[in-house]
Amino acid sequence: LDRAGASVGASDEVMLLLKHMVVSHHYEAEFGSPKKPLFLEAELLHHIDMIDARVFDYQNATRNIEAGQFSEPVWSLDRRSVYKVGLPE
């Protein structure tokens, strides 16, 4: 990160903020984050990362089932079975 920042002339403050975003985006210590987000953009990054993970989980769970069916329970979604919507696009 330091090398990339130096190559584009990022200020010390920008580098500090970027590093904080990297270390805080998992939010909880149990998920490897030593700090929780301390500014708005870091908080937003955490939530965007969570949305991305949920989209992946739902898509993965419904990939091999037909529309109108429920998936097997998904561990990462609190063992919920999720429904594959079959509405026309």
PDB file of N, CA and C in Angstrom:
ATOM      1  N   LEU A   1       0.829  -1.190   0.000  1.00  0.00           N
ATOM      2  CA  LEU A   1       0.000   0.000   0.000  1.00  0.00           C
ATOM      3  C   LEU A   1       0.873   1.252   0.000  1.00  0.00           C
ATOM      4  N   ASP A   2       1.943   1.202   0.783  1.00  0.00           N
ATOM      5  CA  ASP A   2       2.842   2.366   0.833  1.00  0.00           C
ATOM      6  C   ASP A   2       3.447   2.659  -0.536  1.00  0.00           C
ATOM      7  N   ARG A   3       3.869   1.603  -1.224  1.00  0.00           N
ATOM      8  CA  ARG A   3       4.479   1.782  -2.542  1.00  0.00           C
ATOM      9  C   ARG A   3       3.474   2.365  -3.536  1.00  0.00           C
ATOM     10  N   ALA A   4       2.251   1.819  -3.521  1.00  0.00           N
ATOM     11  CA  ALA A   4       1.215   2.316  -4.434  1.00  0.00           C
ATOM     12  C   ALA A   4       0.891   3.776  -4.124  1.00  0.00           C
ATOM     13  N   GLY A   5       0.774   4.101  -2.840  1.00  0.00           N
ATOM     14  CA  GLY A   5       0.491   5.481  -2.450  1.00  0.00           C
ATOM     15  C   GLY A   5       1.587   6.431  -2.876  1.00  0.00           C
ATOM     16  N   ALA A   6       2.829   6.010  -2.684  1.00  0.00           N
ATOM     17  CA  ALA A   6       3.961   6.855  -3.076  1.00  0.00           C
ATOM     18  C   ALA A   6       3.984   7.065  -4.585  1.00  0.00           C
ATOM     19  N   SER A   7       3.609   6.038  -5.340  1.00  0.00           N
ATOM     20  CA  SER A   7       3.657   6.145  -6.804  1.00  0.00           C
ATOM     21  C   SER A   7       2.640   7.136  -7.357  1.00  0.00           C
ATOM     22  N   VAL A   8       1.573   7.407  -6.601  1.00  0.00           N
ATOM     23  CA  VAL A   8       0.566   8.375  -7.059  1.00  0.00           C
ATOM     24  C   VAL A   8       0.605   9.670  -6.250  1.00  0.00           C
ATOM     25  N   GLY A   9       1.569   9.786  -5.354  1.00  0.00           N
ATOM     26  CA  GLY A   9       1.728  11.013  -4.582  1.00  0.00           C
ATOM     27  C   GLY A   9       0.674  11.224  -3.511  1.00  0.00           C
ATOM     28  N   ALA A  10       0.149  10.139  -2.946  1.00  0.00           N
ATOM     29  CA  ALA A  10      -0.871  10.251  -1.895  1.00  0.00           C
ATOM     30  C   ALA A  10      -0.273  10.893  -0.645  1.00  0.00           C
ATOM     31  N   SER A  11      -1.040  11.744  -0.012  1.00  0.00           N
ATOM     32  CA  SER A  11      -0.576  12.417   1.207  1.00  0.00           C
ATOM     33  C   SER A  11      -0.517  11.427   2.371  1.00  0.00           C
ATOM     34  N   ASP A  12       0.157  11.837   3.422  1.00  0.00           N
ATOM     35  CA  ASP A  12       0.235  10.998   4.622  1.00  0.00           C
ATOM     36  C   ASP A  12      -1.157  10.724   5.188  1.00  0.00           C
ATOM     37  N   GLU A  13      -2.024  11.737   5.162  1.00  0.00           N
ATOM     38  CA  GLU A  13      -3.378  11.541   5.692  1.00  0.00           C
ATOM     39  C   GLU A  13      -4.152  10.529   4.857  1.00  0.00           C
ATOM     40  N   VAL A  14      -4.066  10.644   3.543  1.00  0.00           N
ATOM     41  CA  VAL A  14      -4.757   9.682   2.676  1.00  0.00           C
ATOM     42  C   VAL A  14      -4.242   8.275   2.949  1.00  0.00           C
ATOM     43  N   MET A  15      -2.948   8.116   3.110  1.00  0.00           N
ATOM     44  CA  MET A  15      -2.381   6.794   3.385  1.00  0.00           C
ATOM     45  C   MET A  15      -2.879   6.256   4.725  1.00  0.00           C
ATOM     46  N   LEU A  16      -2.947   7.109   5.729  1.00  0.00           N
ATOM     47  CA  LEU A  16      -3.454   6.694   7.036  1.00  0.00           C
ATOM     48  C   LEU A  16      -4.908   6.234   6.922  1.00  0.00           C
ATOM     49  N   LEU A  17      -5.714   6.994   6.193  1.00  0.00           N
ATOM     50  CA  LEU A  17      -7.127   6.643   6.019  1.00  0.00           C
ATOM     51  C   LEU A  17      -7.282   5.328   5.258  1.00  0.00           C
ATOM     52  N   LEU A  18      -6.519   5.149   4.189  1.00  0.00           N
ATOM     53  CA  LEU A  18      -6.590   3.899   3.419  1.00  0.00           C
ATOM     54  C   LEU A  18      -6.191   2.695   4.272  1.00  0.00           C
ATOM     55  N   LYS A  19      -5.122   2.840   5.031  1.00  0.00           N
ATOM     56  CA  LYS A  19      -4.686   1.736   5.900  1.00  0.00           C
ATOM     57  C   LYS A  19      -5.763   1.407   6.925  1.00  0.00           C
ATOM     58  N   HIS A  20      -6.377   2.436   7.482  1.00  0.00           N
ATOM     59  CA  HIS A  20      -7.445   2.194   8.452  1.00  0.00           C
ATOM     60  C   HIS A  20      -8.611   1.458   7.796  1.00  0.00           C
ATOM     61  N   MET A  21      -8.955   1.835   6.569  1.00  0.00           N
ATOM     62  CA  MET A  21     -10.058   1.167   5.870  1.00  0.00           C
ATOM     63  C   MET A  21      -9.747  -0.312   5.649  1.00  0.00           C
ATOM     64  N   VAL A  22      -8.510  -0.608   5.303  1.00  0.00           N
ATOM     65  CA  VAL A  22      -8.119  -2.005   5.084  1.00  0.00           C
ATOM     66  C   VAL A  22      -8.239  -2.808   6.377  1.00  0.00           C
ATOM     67  N   VAL A  23      -7.721  -2.273   7.476  1.00  0.00           N
ATOM     68  CA  VAL A  23      -7.722  -3.060   8.716  1.00  0.00           C
ATOM     69  C   VAL A  23      -9.074  -3.092   9.416  1.00  0.00           C
ATOM     70  N   SER A  24      -9.966  -2.155   9.101  1.00  0.00           N
ATOM     71  CA  SER A  24     -11.239  -2.102   9.827  1.00  0.00           C
ATOM     72  C   SER A  24     -12.431  -2.659   9.057  1.00  0.00           C
ATOM     73  N   HIS A  25     -12.256  -3.029   7.792  1.00  0.00           N
ATOM     74  CA  HIS A  25     -13.439  -3.366   6.994  1.00  0.00           C
ATOM     75  C   HIS A  25     -14.143  -4.651   7.427  1.00  0.00           C
ATOM     76  N   HIS A  26     -13.478  -5.535   8.166  1.00  0.00           N
ATOM     77  CA  HIS A  26     -14.165  -6.734   8.679  1.00  0.00           C
ATOM     78  C   HIS A  26     -14.923  -6.456   9.973  1.00  0.00           C
ATOM     79  N   TYR A  27     -14.717  -5.311  10.559  1.00  0.00           N
ATOM     80  CA  TYR A  27     -15.476  -4.750  11.682  1.00  0.00           C
ATOM     81  C   TYR A  27     -15.203  -5.399  13.033  1.00  0.00           C
ATOM     82  N   GLU A  28     -15.277  -6.710  13.117  1.00  0.00           N
ATOM     83  CA  GLU A  28     -15.162  -7.417  14.398  1.00  0.00           C
ATOM     84  C   GLU A  28     -13.805  -8.100  14.535  1.00  0.00           C
ATOM     85  N   ALA A  29     -13.285  -8.119  15.753  1.00  0.00           N
ATOM     86  CA  ALA A  29     -12.013  -8.791  16.019  1.00  0.00           C
ATOM     87  C   ALA A  29     -12.084 -10.266  15.646  1.00  0.00           C
ATOM     88  N   GLU A  30     -13.226 -10.886  15.875  1.00  0.00           N
ATOM     89  CA  GLU A  30     -13.360 -12.318  15.567  1.00  0.00           C
ATOM     90  C   GLU A  30     -13.228 -12.600  14.071  1.00  0.00           C
ATOM     91  N   PHE A  31     -13.385 -11.582  13.242  1.00  0.00           N
ATOM     92  CA  PHE A  31     -13.219 -11.734  11.797  1.00  0.00           C
ATOM     93  C   PHE A  31     -11.902 -11.138  11.313  1.00  0.00           C
ATOM     94  N   GLY A  32     -11.013 -10.825  12.231  1.00  0.00           N
ATOM     95  CA  GLY A  32      -9.670 -10.378  11.888  1.00  0.00           C
ATOM     96  C   GLY A  32      -9.458  -8.879  11.856  1.00  0.00           C
ATOM     97  N   SER A  33     -10.405  -8.116  12.355  1.00  0.00           N
ATOM     98  CA  SER A  33     -10.275  -6.661  12.321  1.00  0.00           C
ATOM     99  C   SER A  33      -9.785  -6.134  13.669  1.00  0.00           C
ATOM    100  N   PRO A  34      -8.599  -5.520  13.695  1.00  0.00           N
ATOM    101  CA  PRO A  34      -8.099  -4.995  14.965  1.00  0.00           C
ATOM    102  C   PRO A  34      -8.803  -3.715  15.424  1.00  0.00           C
ATOM    103  N   LYS A  35      -9.495  -3.055  14.513  1.00  0.00           N
ATOM    104  CA  LYS A  35     -10.196  -1.800  14.830  1.00  0.00           C
ATOM    105  C   LYS A  35     -11.539  -1.778  14.122  1.00  0.00           C
ATOM    106  N   LYS A  36     -12.501  -1.091  14.732  1.00  0.00           N
ATOM    107  CA  LYS A  36     -13.764  -0.814  14.047  1.00  0.00           C
ATOM    108  C   LYS A  36     -13.595   0.490  13.267  1.00  0.00           C
ATOM    109  N   PRO A  37     -14.395   0.684  12.218  1.00  0.00           N
ATOM    110  CA  PRO A  37     -14.280   1.911  11.428  1.00  0.00           C
ATOM    111  C   PRO A  37     -14.441   3.167  12.289  1.00  0.00           C
ATOM    112  N   LEU A  38     -13.610   4.162  12.006  1.00  0.00           N
ATOM    113  CA  LEU A  38     -13.608   5.398  12.784  1.00  0.00           C
ATOM    114  C   LEU A  38     -14.013   6.619  11.970  1.00  0.00           C
ATOM    115  N   PHE A  39     -14.360   6.418  10.702  1.00  0.00           N
ATOM    116  CA  PHE A  39     -14.869   7.530   9.895  1.00  0.00           C
ATOM    117  C   PHE A  39     -15.853   6.967   8.872  1.00  0.00           C
ATOM    118  N   LEU A  40     -16.691   7.840   8.353  1.00  0.00           N
ATOM    119  CA  LEU A  40     -17.830   7.437   7.528  1.00  0.00           C
ATOM    120  C   LEU A  40     -17.448   6.522   6.374  1.00  0.00           C
ATOM    121  N   GLU A  41     -16.430   6.887   5.619  1.00  0.00           N
ATOM    122  CA  GLU A  41     -16.068   6.087   4.445  1.00  0.00           C
ATOM    123  C   GLU A  41     -15.623   4.684   4.836  1.00  0.00           C
ATOM    124  N   ALA A  42     -14.965   4.546   5.971  1.00  0.00           N
ATOM    125  CA  ALA A  42     -14.562   3.223   6.448  1.00  0.00           C
ATOM    126  C   ALA A  42     -15.787   2.408   6.846  1.00  0.00           C
ATOM    127  N   GLU A  43     -16.748   3.046   7.474  1.00  0.00           N
ATOM    128  CA  GLU A  43     -18.002   2.366   7.836  1.00  0.00           C
ATOM    129  C   GLU A  43     -18.741   1.919   6.577  1.00  0.00           C
ATOM    130  N   LEU A  44     -18.805   2.795   5.583  1.00  0.00           N
ATOM    131  CA  LEU A  44     -19.470   2.444   4.324  1.00  0.00           C
ATOM    132  C   LEU A  44     -18.774   1.275   3.642  1.00  0.00           C
ATOM    133  N   LEU A  45     -17.450   1.271   3.640  1.00  0.00           N
ATOM    134  CA  LEU A  45     -16.711   0.156   3.040  1.00  0.00           C
ATOM    135  C   LEU A  45     -17.072  -1.157   3.717  1.00  0.00           C
ATOM    136  N   HIS A  46     -17.169  -1.144   5.035  1.00  0.00           N
ATOM    137  CA  HIS A  46     -17.564  -2.354   5.762  1.00  0.00           C
ATOM    138  C   HIS A  46     -18.919  -2.855   5.266  1.00  0.00           C
ATOM    139  N   HIS A  47     -19.895  -1.968   5.154  1.00  0.00           N
ATOM    140  CA  HIS A  47     -21.239  -2.386   4.739  1.00  0.00           C
ATOM    141  C   HIS A  47     -21.266  -2.834   3.279  1.00  0.00           C
ATOM    142  N   ILE A  48     -20.513  -2.179   2.420  1.00  0.00           N
ATOM    143  CA  ILE A  48     -20.413  -2.608   1.019  1.00  0.00           C
ATOM    144  C   ILE A  48     -19.810  -4.002   0.947  1.00  0.00           C
ATOM    145  N   ASP A  49     -18.793  -4.259   1.745  1.00  0.00           N
ATOM    146  CA  ASP A  49     -18.174  -5.587   1.785  1.00  0.00           C
ATOM    147  C   ASP A  49     -19.174  -6.637   2.260  1.00  0.00           C
ATOM    148  N   MET A  50     -19.988  -6.290   3.250  1.00  0.00           N
ATOM    149  CA  MET A  50     -21.011  -7.223   3.740  1.00  0.00           C
ATOM    150  C   MET A  50     -22.060  -7.504   2.667  1.00  0.00           C
ATOM    151  N   ILE A  51     -22.499  -6.472   1.955  1.00  0.00           N
ATOM    152  CA  ILE A  51     -23.473  -6.661   0.880  1.00  0.00           C
ATOM    153  C   ILE A  51     -22.884  -7.562  -0.201  1.00  0.00           C
ATOM    154  N   ASP A  52     -21.649  -7.324  -0.573  1.00  0.00           N
ATOM    155  CA  ASP A  52     -20.989  -8.146  -1.585  1.00  0.00           C
ATOM    156  C   ASP A  52     -20.939  -9.610  -1.153  1.00  0.00           C
ATOM    157  N   ALA A  53     -20.619  -9.852   0.101  1.00  0.00           N
ATOM    158  CA  ALA A  53     -20.562 -11.223   0.611  1.00  0.00           C
ATOM    159  C   ALA A  53     -21.939 -11.873   0.599  1.00  0.00           C
ATOM    160  N   ARG A  54     -22.974 -11.125   0.969  1.00  0.00           N
ATOM    161  CA  ARG A  54     -24.339 -11.679   0.974  1.00  0.00           C
ATOM    162  C   ARG A  54     -24.818 -11.996  -0.438  1.00  0.00           C
ATOM    163  N   VAL A  55     -24.530 -11.120  -1.387  1.00  0.00           N
ATOM    164  CA  VAL A  55     -24.903 -11.381  -2.784  1.00  0.00           C
ATOM    165  C   VAL A  55     -24.247 -12.677  -3.246  1.00  0.00           C
ATOM    166  N   PHE A  56     -22.970 -12.842  -2.953  1.00  0.00           N
ATOM    167  CA  PHE A  56     -22.267 -14.073  -3.320  1.00  0.00           C
ATOM    168  C   PHE A  56     -22.933 -15.286  -2.679  1.00  0.00           C
ATOM    169  N   ASP A  57     -23.247 -15.198  -1.390  1.00  0.00           N
ATOM    170  CA  ASP A  57     -23.863 -16.326  -0.682  1.00  0.00           C
ATOM    171  C   ASP A  57     -25.206 -16.705  -1.296  1.00  0.00           C
ATOM    172  N   TYR A  58     -26.043 -15.714  -1.586  1.00  0.00           N
ATOM    173  CA  TYR A  58     -27.351 -15.988  -2.195  1.00  0.00           C
ATOM    174  C   TYR A  58     -27.189 -16.582  -3.591  1.00  0.00           C
ATOM    175  N   GLN A  59     -26.314 -16.006  -4.401  1.00  0.00           N
ATOM    176  CA  GLN A  59     -26.115 -16.527  -5.755  1.00  0.00           C
ATOM    177  C   GLN A  59     -25.567 -17.943  -5.726  1.00  0.00           C
ATOM    178  N   ASN A  60     -24.633 -18.190  -4.850  1.00  0.00           N
ATOM    179  CA  ASN A  60     -24.050 -19.521  -4.732  1.00  0.00           C
ATOM    180  C   ASN A  60     -25.090 -20.532  -4.262  1.00  0.00           C
ATOM    181  N   ALA A  61     -25.932 -20.141  -3.318  1.00  0.00           N
ATOM    182  CA  ALA A  61     -26.941 -21.051  -2.766  1.00  0.00           C
ATOM    183  C   ALA A  61     -28.009 -21.416  -3.785  1.00  0.00           C
ATOM    184  N   THR A  62     -28.310 -20.510  -4.701  1.00  0.00           N
ATOM    185  CA  THR A  62     -29.405 -20.746  -5.649  1.00  0.00           C
ATOM    186  C   THR A  62     -28.920 -21.119  -7.047  1.00  0.00           C
ATOM    187  N   ARG A  63     -27.637 -21.244  -7.217  1.00  0.00           N
ATOM    188  CA  ARG A  63     -27.060 -21.516  -8.541  1.00  0.00           C
ATOM    189  C   ARG A  63     -27.590 -22.807  -9.160  1.00  0.00           C
ATOM    190  N   ASN A  64     -27.725 -23.850  -8.384  1.00  0.00           N
ATOM    191  CA  ASN A  64     -28.068 -25.166  -8.931  1.00  0.00           C
ATOM    192  C   ASN A  64     -29.474 -25.628  -8.584  1.00  0.00           C
ATOM    193  N   ILE A  65     -30.363 -24.683  -8.310  1.00  0.00           N
ATOM    194  CA  ILE A  65     -31.756 -25.057  -8.068  1.00  0.00           C
ATOM    195  C   ILE A  65     -32.646 -24.321  -9.060  1.00  0.00           C
ATOM    196  N   GLU A  66     -33.837 -24.839  -9.229  1.00  0.00           N
ATOM    197  CA  GLU A  66     -34.797 -24.231 -10.149  1.00  0.00           C
ATOM    198  C   GLU A  66     -35.525 -23.074  -9.467  1.00  0.00           C
ATOM    199  N   ALA A  67     -36.013 -22.152 -10.287  1.00  0.00           N
ATOM    200  CA  ALA A  67     -36.833 -21.056  -9.771  1.00  0.00           C
ATOM    201  C   ALA A  67     -38.036 -21.641  -9.047  1.00  0.00           C
ATOM    202  N   GLY A  68     -38.404 -21.017  -7.939  1.00  0.00           N
ATOM    203  CA  GLY A  68     -39.533 -21.489  -7.149  1.00  0.00           C
ATOM    204  C   GLY A  68     -39.159 -22.510  -6.088  1.00  0.00           C
ATOM    205  N   GLN A  69     -37.877 -22.816  -5.965  1.00  0.00           N
ATOM    206  CA  GLN A  69     -37.415 -23.780  -4.963  1.00  0.00           C
ATOM    207  C   GLN A  69     -36.584 -23.072  -3.890  1.00  0.00           C
ATOM    208  N   PHE A  70     -36.450 -23.779  -2.758  1.00  0.00           N
ATOM    209  CA  PHE A  70     -35.583 -23.325  -1.675  1.00  0.00           C
ATOM    210  C   PHE A  70     -34.267 -24.084  -1.726  1.00  0.00           C
ATOM    211  N   SER A  71     -33.204 -23.416  -1.323  1.00  0.00           N
ATOM    212  CA  SER A  71     -31.883 -24.037  -1.252  1.00  0.00           C
ATOM    213  C   SER A  71     -31.783 -24.915  -0.013  1.00  0.00           C
ATOM    214  N   GLU A  72     -30.700 -25.631   0.056  1.00  0.00           N
ATOM    215  CA  GLU A  72     -30.327 -26.293   1.306  1.00  0.00           C
ATOM    216  C   GLU A  72     -29.972 -25.187   2.310  1.00  0.00           C
ATOM    217  N   PRO A  73     -29.974 -25.482   3.606  1.00  0.00           N
ATOM    218  CA  PRO A  73     -29.556 -24.462   4.581  1.00  0.00           C
ATOM    219  C   PRO A  73     -28.134 -23.967   4.282  1.00  0.00           C
ATOM    220  N   VAL A  74     -27.946 -22.672   4.409  1.00  0.00           N
ATOM    221  CA  VAL A  74     -26.662 -22.038   4.099  1.00  0.00           C
ATOM    222  C   VAL A  74     -26.028 -21.569   5.402  1.00  0.00           C
ATOM    223  N   TRP A  75     -24.893 -22.137   5.746  1.00  0.00           N
ATOM    224  CA  TRP A  75     -24.229 -21.833   7.015  1.00  0.00           C
ATOM    225  C   TRP A  75     -23.968 -20.338   7.158  1.00  0.00           C
ATOM    226  N   SER A  76     -23.443 -19.709   6.109  1.00  0.00           N
ATOM    227  CA  SER A  76     -23.074 -18.292   6.200  1.00  0.00           C
ATOM    228  C   SER A  76     -24.280 -17.359   6.258  1.00  0.00           C
ATOM    229  N   LEU A  77     -25.466 -17.895   6.028  1.00  0.00           N
ATOM    230  CA  LEU A  77     -26.707 -17.117   6.149  1.00  0.00           C
ATOM    231  C   LEU A  77     -27.514 -17.613   7.346  1.00  0.00           C
ATOM    232  N   ASP A  78     -26.809 -17.941   8.411  1.00  0.00           N
ATOM    233  CA  ASP A  78     -27.436 -18.417   9.652  1.00  0.00           C
ATOM    234  C   ASP A  78     -28.276 -19.668   9.432  1.00  0.00           C
ATOM    235  N   ARG A  79     -27.787 -20.526   8.563  1.00  0.00           N
ATOM    236  CA  ARG A  79     -28.414 -21.824   8.258  1.00  0.00           C
ATOM    237  C   ARG A  79     -29.826 -21.673   7.683  1.00  0.00           C
ATOM    238  N   ARG A  80     -30.075 -20.539   7.031  1.00  0.00           N
ATOM    239  CA  ARG A  80     -31.374 -20.342   6.374  1.00  0.00           C
ATOM    240  C   ARG A  80     -31.370 -21.017   5.017  1.00  0.00           C
ATOM    241  N   SER A  81     -32.526 -21.537   4.631  1.00  0.00           N
ATOM    242  CA  SER A  81     -32.742 -21.954   3.249  1.00  0.00           C
ATOM    243  C   SER A  81     -33.278 -20.729   2.527  1.00  0.00           C
ATOM    244  N   VAL A  82     -32.733 -20.439   1.356  1.00  0.00           N
ATOM    245  CA  VAL A  82     -33.157 -19.242   0.629  1.00  0.00           C
ATOM    246  C   VAL A  82     -33.912 -19.629  -0.635  1.00  0.00           C
ATOM    247  N   TYR A  83     -34.796 -18.766  -1.046  1.00  0.00           N
ATOM    248  CA  TYR A  83     -35.715 -19.011  -2.149  1.00  0.00           C
ATOM    249  C   TYR A  83     -35.164 -18.422  -3.442  1.00  0.00           C
ATOM    250  N   LYS A  84     -35.285 -19.188  -4.534  1.00  0.00           N
ATOM    251  CA  LYS A  84     -34.876 -18.676  -5.841  1.00  0.00           C
ATOM    252  C   LYS A  84     -36.101 -18.114  -6.547  1.00  0.00           C
ATOM    253  N   VAL A  85     -36.092 -16.815  -6.734  1.00  0.00           N
ATOM    254  CA  VAL A  85     -37.209 -16.110  -7.363  1.00  0.00           C
ATOM    255  C   VAL A  85     -37.251 -16.458  -8.846  1.00  0.00           C
ATOM    256  N   GLY A  86     -38.465 -16.606  -9.371  1.00  0.00           N
ATOM    257  CA  GLY A  86     -38.611 -16.963 -10.773  1.00  0.00           C
ATOM    258  C   GLY A  86     -39.414 -15.965 -11.577  1.00  0.00           C
ATOM    259  N   LEU A  87     -39.425 -14.715 -11.164  1.00  0.00           N
ATOM    260  CA  LEU A  87     -40.174 -13.698 -11.898  1.00  0.00           C
ATOM    261  C   LEU A  87     -39.474 -13.377 -13.215  1.00  0.00           C
ATOM    262  N   PRO A  88     -40.248 -13.075 -14.258  1.00  0.00           N
ATOM    263  CA  PRO A  88     -39.608 -12.702 -15.530  1.00  0.00           C
ATOM    264  C   PRO A  88     -38.839 -11.392 -15.381  1.00  0.00           C
ATOM    265  N   GLU A  89     -37.770 -11.284 -16.124  1.00  0.00           N
ATOM    266  CA  GLU A  89     -36.933 -10.071 -16.043  1.00  0.00           C
ATOM    267  C   GLU A  89     -37.444  -8.975 -16.928  1.00  0.00           C
TER     268      GLU A  89
END
